[in-house]
Protein backbone atom coordinates (compact mmCIF):
# COMPACT_ATOMS: atom_id res chain seq x y z
CA MET A 1 -71.10 5.98 51.08
CA ALA A 2 -71.98 2.73 49.32
CA LYS A 3 -70.57 2.29 45.82
CA ILE A 4 -73.13 2.64 43.03
CA PRO A 5 -73.08 -0.49 40.87
CA VAL A 6 -71.47 0.20 37.49
CA ILE A 7 -73.49 -1.32 34.65
CA GLY A 8 -71.83 -1.65 31.24
CA ILE A 9 -74.16 -1.43 28.22
CA THR A 10 -73.01 -2.75 24.85
CA ALA A 11 -73.39 -0.52 21.80
CA GLY A 12 -73.77 -1.16 18.09
CA ILE A 13 -71.94 0.30 15.10
CA MET A 14 -73.48 2.44 12.37
CA THR A 15 -72.07 4.28 9.37
CA GLU A 16 -73.76 7.37 8.01
CA GLU A 17 -73.07 9.98 5.37
CA GLN A 18 -72.65 13.59 6.48
CA ASP A 19 -71.87 16.65 4.38
CA TYR A 20 -68.27 16.40 5.64
CA GLY A 21 -67.87 12.70 4.79
CA THR A 22 -68.62 9.18 6.00
CA VAL A 23 -68.87 8.83 9.78
CA THR A 24 -68.83 5.64 11.88
CA ARG A 25 -70.71 5.98 15.16
CA HIS A 26 -71.34 3.83 18.18
CA ARG A 27 -75.05 3.72 18.89
CA VAL A 28 -77.31 2.61 21.72
CA SER A 29 -80.72 3.95 22.73
CA ALA A 30 -80.73 6.34 25.69
CA ASP A 31 -83.58 4.24 27.13
CA TYR A 32 -81.04 1.71 28.44
CA SER A 33 -79.07 4.28 30.43
CA GLU A 34 -82.28 5.84 31.73
CA ALA A 35 -83.52 2.47 32.94
CA VAL A 36 -80.22 1.73 34.70
CA LEU A 37 -80.28 5.14 36.39
CA ALA A 38 -83.90 4.64 37.45
CA ALA A 39 -82.92 1.26 38.93
CA GLY A 40 -80.07 2.81 40.97
CA GLY A 41 -77.11 1.89 38.79
CA LEU A 42 -74.39 3.88 37.03
CA PRO A 43 -74.47 3.25 33.25
CA ILE A 44 -71.41 3.25 31.01
CA ILE A 45 -71.43 2.55 27.27
CA LEU A 46 -69.20 -0.19 25.86
CA PRO A 47 -68.47 0.03 22.13
CA PRO A 48 -67.16 -3.07 20.31
CA GLN A 49 -63.43 -3.40 20.95
CA HIS A 50 -60.63 -5.95 21.02
CA GLY A 51 -58.33 -7.14 23.77
CA THR A 52 -60.07 -5.41 26.69
CA ILE A 53 -62.46 -8.06 28.06
CA ASP A 54 -60.52 -8.62 31.29
CA SER A 55 -60.27 -4.89 31.94
CA ILE A 56 -63.98 -4.38 31.32
CA LEU A 57 -64.91 -7.20 33.69
CA GLN A 58 -62.71 -5.65 36.39
CA MET A 59 -64.40 -2.28 35.91
CA VAL A 60 -68.11 -3.20 35.80
CA ASP A 61 -70.39 -4.77 38.40
CA GLY A 62 -73.00 -5.86 35.85
CA LEU A 63 -73.65 -5.91 32.12
CA ILE A 64 -76.50 -5.26 29.70
CA PHE A 65 -76.29 -6.73 26.22
CA SER A 66 -78.46 -4.41 24.15
CA GLY A 67 -80.63 -4.86 21.09
CA GLY A 68 -79.56 -4.27 17.52
CA ALA A 69 -78.84 -5.94 14.21
CA ASP A 70 -78.50 -9.65 13.47
CA ILE A 71 -75.75 -12.10 14.38
CA ASP A 72 -73.76 -13.82 11.63
CA PRO A 73 -75.62 -17.13 11.01
CA ALA A 74 -72.27 -18.90 10.52
CA LEU A 75 -71.69 -18.48 14.27
CA TYR A 76 -74.56 -20.88 14.99
CA GLY A 77 -74.00 -23.26 12.10
CA ASP A 78 -76.29 -21.89 9.36
CA THR A 79 -74.60 -22.02 5.97
CA ASP A 80 -77.16 -19.72 4.31
CA VAL A 81 -78.04 -16.14 5.18
CA HIS A 82 -81.77 -15.40 5.04
CA PRO A 83 -82.65 -12.33 2.91
CA ALA A 84 -84.19 -10.70 6.01
CA THR A 85 -81.00 -11.07 8.07
CA TYR A 86 -79.38 -7.65 8.18
CA ASP A 87 -76.41 -5.47 9.19
CA ILE A 88 -74.10 -8.24 10.37
CA SER A 89 -71.08 -6.84 12.23
CA ALA A 90 -68.23 -9.28 12.79
CA GLU A 91 -66.64 -6.79 15.19
CA ARG A 92 -69.73 -6.53 17.39
CA ASP A 93 -70.40 -10.29 17.25
CA ARG A 94 -66.87 -11.14 18.33
CA PHE A 95 -66.81 -8.56 21.13
CA GLU A 96 -70.17 -9.47 22.62
CA ILE A 97 -69.64 -13.24 22.45
CA ASP A 98 -66.24 -12.90 24.13
CA LEU A 99 -67.67 -10.51 26.73
CA ILE A 100 -70.65 -12.69 27.60
CA ASN A 101 -68.46 -15.77 27.94
CA GLY A 102 -66.10 -13.82 30.18
CA ALA A 103 -68.98 -12.51 32.29
CA ILE A 104 -70.38 -16.00 32.76
CA GLU A 105 -66.94 -17.40 33.63
CA HIS A 106 -66.48 -14.71 36.30
CA ASP A 107 -70.15 -14.75 37.43
CA VAL A 108 -70.78 -11.10 36.57
CA PRO A 109 -74.54 -10.34 36.64
CA VAL A 110 -75.95 -10.04 33.13
CA LEU A 111 -79.20 -8.82 31.53
CA CYS A 112 -79.60 -9.66 27.84
CA ILE A 113 -82.21 -7.76 25.80
CA CYS A 114 -83.52 -8.63 22.29
CA ARG A 115 -80.31 -9.20 20.28
CA GLY A 116 -78.72 -9.81 23.67
CA ILE A 117 -80.76 -12.94 24.42
CA GLN A 118 -79.70 -14.25 21.01
CA VAL A 119 -76.03 -13.47 21.65
CA LEU A 120 -76.29 -15.33 24.96
CA ASN A 121 -77.72 -18.43 23.29
CA VAL A 122 -75.20 -18.41 20.42
CA ALA A 123 -72.25 -17.80 22.75
CA LEU A 124 -73.20 -20.88 24.77
CA GLY A 125 -73.70 -23.09 21.70
CA GLY A 126 -77.37 -22.67 20.77
CA SER A 127 -78.95 -21.63 17.48
CA LEU A 128 -81.42 -19.06 16.13
CA VAL A 129 -84.46 -18.81 13.92
CA GLN A 130 -83.29 -16.42 11.20
CA HIS A 131 -86.76 -15.19 10.24
CA ILE A 132 -89.80 -16.03 12.36
CA ASP A 133 -92.38 -15.45 9.62
CA ASP A 134 -90.76 -18.14 7.45
CA GLN A 135 -89.74 -20.63 10.11
CA ILE A 136 -92.47 -20.57 12.80
CA ALA A 137 -95.94 -21.99 12.14
CA ALA A 138 -98.75 -19.42 12.58
CA PRO A 139 -96.53 -16.75 14.13
CA LEU A 140 -97.78 -13.74 16.02
CA SER A 141 -96.79 -10.29 14.80
CA HIS A 142 -93.42 -9.88 16.50
CA ARG A 143 -92.69 -6.50 14.94
CA GLN A 144 -95.41 -4.35 16.40
CA GLN A 145 -94.29 -1.27 14.49
CA GLU A 146 -95.68 -2.97 11.38
CA VAL A 147 -99.16 -2.95 12.95
CA THR A 148 -98.72 0.62 14.30
CA ILE A 149 -98.46 -0.20 18.00
CA ALA A 150 -96.27 2.30 19.88
CA ALA A 151 -92.97 1.18 21.37
CA ASN A 152 -94.12 1.91 24.92
CA GLU A 153 -97.26 -0.23 24.59
CA PRO A 154 -97.41 -4.01 25.18
CA SER A 155 -98.58 -6.08 22.21
CA GLN A 156 -98.47 -9.70 23.44
CA GLN A 157 -98.44 -11.97 26.49
CA VAL A 158 -95.55 -14.09 27.69
CA ALA A 159 -96.31 -17.12 29.86
CA LEU A 160 -93.59 -17.67 32.48
CA VAL A 161 -92.39 -20.94 33.98
CA ASP A 162 -93.47 -21.20 37.60
CA GLY A 163 -90.58 -20.66 40.00
CA SER A 164 -88.20 -19.50 37.26
CA LEU A 165 -85.87 -16.53 37.62
CA THR A 166 -88.04 -14.49 35.24
CA ALA A 167 -91.21 -15.30 37.20
CA GLN A 168 -89.43 -14.32 40.42
CA VAL A 169 -88.20 -11.03 38.94
CA PHE A 170 -91.69 -10.07 37.75
CA ASP A 171 -93.54 -11.84 40.59
CA SER A 172 -96.14 -13.03 38.09
CA PRO A 173 -97.02 -16.12 36.02
CA SER A 174 -97.36 -14.01 32.85
CA ILE A 175 -96.49 -10.54 31.64
CA SER A 176 -97.45 -8.14 28.85
CA VAL A 177 -94.53 -7.16 26.61
CA ASN A 178 -93.69 -5.25 23.46
CA SER A 179 -92.08 -6.89 20.42
CA PHE A 180 -89.56 -5.67 17.81
CA HIS A 181 -87.74 -8.74 16.51
CA HIS A 182 -87.76 -11.04 13.51
CA GLN A 183 -85.35 -13.62 14.94
CA SER A 184 -85.52 -15.76 18.06
CA ILE A 185 -83.96 -18.72 19.82
CA ALA A 186 -84.29 -21.97 17.86
CA VAL A 187 -82.39 -24.63 19.85
CA PRO A 188 -81.48 -23.45 23.35
CA ALA A 189 -77.89 -24.01 24.43
CA ASP A 190 -77.41 -26.77 27.01
CA ARG A 191 -76.88 -24.27 29.84
CA VAL A 192 -79.78 -22.02 28.79
CA GLN A 193 -83.15 -22.61 30.45
CA VAL A 194 -86.29 -21.42 28.63
CA GLU A 195 -88.51 -19.53 31.07
CA GLY A 196 -91.09 -17.72 28.94
CA VAL A 197 -92.83 -18.16 25.59
CA THR A 198 -95.57 -16.47 23.59
CA SER A 199 -98.63 -18.40 22.36
CA ASP A 200 -96.87 -19.24 19.06
CA GLY A 201 -94.02 -20.92 20.92
CA VAL A 202 -91.42 -18.19 20.37
CA VAL A 203 -88.89 -18.08 23.22
CA GLU A 204 -89.13 -14.76 25.07
CA ALA A 205 -87.25 -15.31 28.34
CA VAL A 206 -84.32 -17.46 29.46
CA SER A 207 -81.82 -17.81 32.27
CA VAL A 208 -78.56 -19.66 32.94
CA PRO A 209 -79.31 -21.47 36.22
CA SER A 210 -75.66 -22.35 36.85
CA CYS A 211 -74.86 -18.62 37.22
CA GLY A 212 -75.77 -16.18 39.96
CA PHE A 213 -77.80 -13.83 37.71
CA VAL A 214 -78.08 -14.21 33.96
CA LEU A 215 -81.46 -13.20 32.53
CA GLY A 216 -82.39 -12.89 28.85
CA VAL A 217 -85.56 -11.28 27.49
CA GLN A 218 -86.56 -11.00 23.83
CA TRP A 219 -88.66 -7.86 24.31
CA HIS A 220 -87.56 -4.29 25.14
CA PRO A 221 -88.27 -3.43 28.80
CA GLU A 222 -86.21 -0.25 28.45
CA MET A 223 -88.84 1.10 26.03
CA LEU A 224 -91.69 0.15 28.37
CA PHE A 225 -90.67 0.97 31.93
CA LYS A 226 -91.86 4.59 31.99
CA ALA A 227 -95.38 3.63 30.91
CA VAL A 228 -95.37 0.14 32.48
CA PRO A 229 -93.48 0.37 35.81
CA ASP A 230 -93.20 -3.42 36.23
CA GLN A 231 -90.81 -3.41 33.25
CA LEU A 232 -88.20 -1.68 35.41
CA LYS A 233 -87.96 -4.88 37.47
CA PRO A 234 -85.30 -6.66 35.35
CA PHE A 235 -83.06 -3.59 35.65
CA GLU A 236 -83.66 -3.42 39.40
CA ALA A 237 -82.86 -7.12 39.69
CA LEU A 238 -79.65 -6.65 37.70
CA VAL A 239 -78.55 -3.69 39.84
CA ALA A 240 -79.38 -5.60 43.04
CA ALA A 241 -77.35 -8.60 41.84
CA ALA A 242 -74.47 -6.30 40.86
CA ARG A 243 -74.59 -4.54 44.23
CA ALA A 244 -74.38 -7.89 46.02
CA GLU A 245 -71.10 -8.60 44.20
CA ILE A 246 -69.40 -5.37 45.35
CA PRO A 247 -66.92 -6.06 48.18
CA GLU A 248 -67.41 -4.17 51.42
CA PRO A 249 -64.82 -1.39 51.87
CA VAL A 250 -61.90 -2.34 54.09
CA GLY A 251 -62.44 -1.16 57.67
CA VAL A 252 -66.22 -0.82 57.38
């Protein structure tokens, strides 16, 4: 029987008060695991940790860098923290930047979603817009919850670069996406190729052409794929790329 590709999914950190005391939890939406399962992969959750990057990369066949809170602006050269920048976690930042650099070095297939596309850009030397509403001229509404659009409904169009990895994955020159972010890529890292933008110029899709499969999207396909089947395609592409990296069993 063929091995099912193992897809690691990064998780965030949250602290909450319970009646028995303060609890720290690792958190990631179940939508990510459901999308991986629907695409034919085996999901495992990866909480922030130290000293285990090599072991993780030996264990997984692909990686998803999930959404979540903001990256420390100091990591991309901003000396000031915008008032809207929130819930910075040095532990998560360090883990995900180290993990994405390790994955790229070892050519492990990677899908980066929302925060993930930003981690990818920062890890490779790019920078971010800390708050779109203050730093982008005439921005669209990139937080659709504020205009009462449901998470599983598209709210904007992304134009894709012809022939790009993203256009190949979706087999289309443009796609309808949802939007739940207030930050975005500012200056792309040298190795990062912009492949999709919204009408206000906000970067929504990137790849790293020097790698086998590294795709970053600013929207949340895991929230959409049940209502919009085409949004399963990035997960299917990741699982296919991961499967291609699995060695054939000896003697087969």
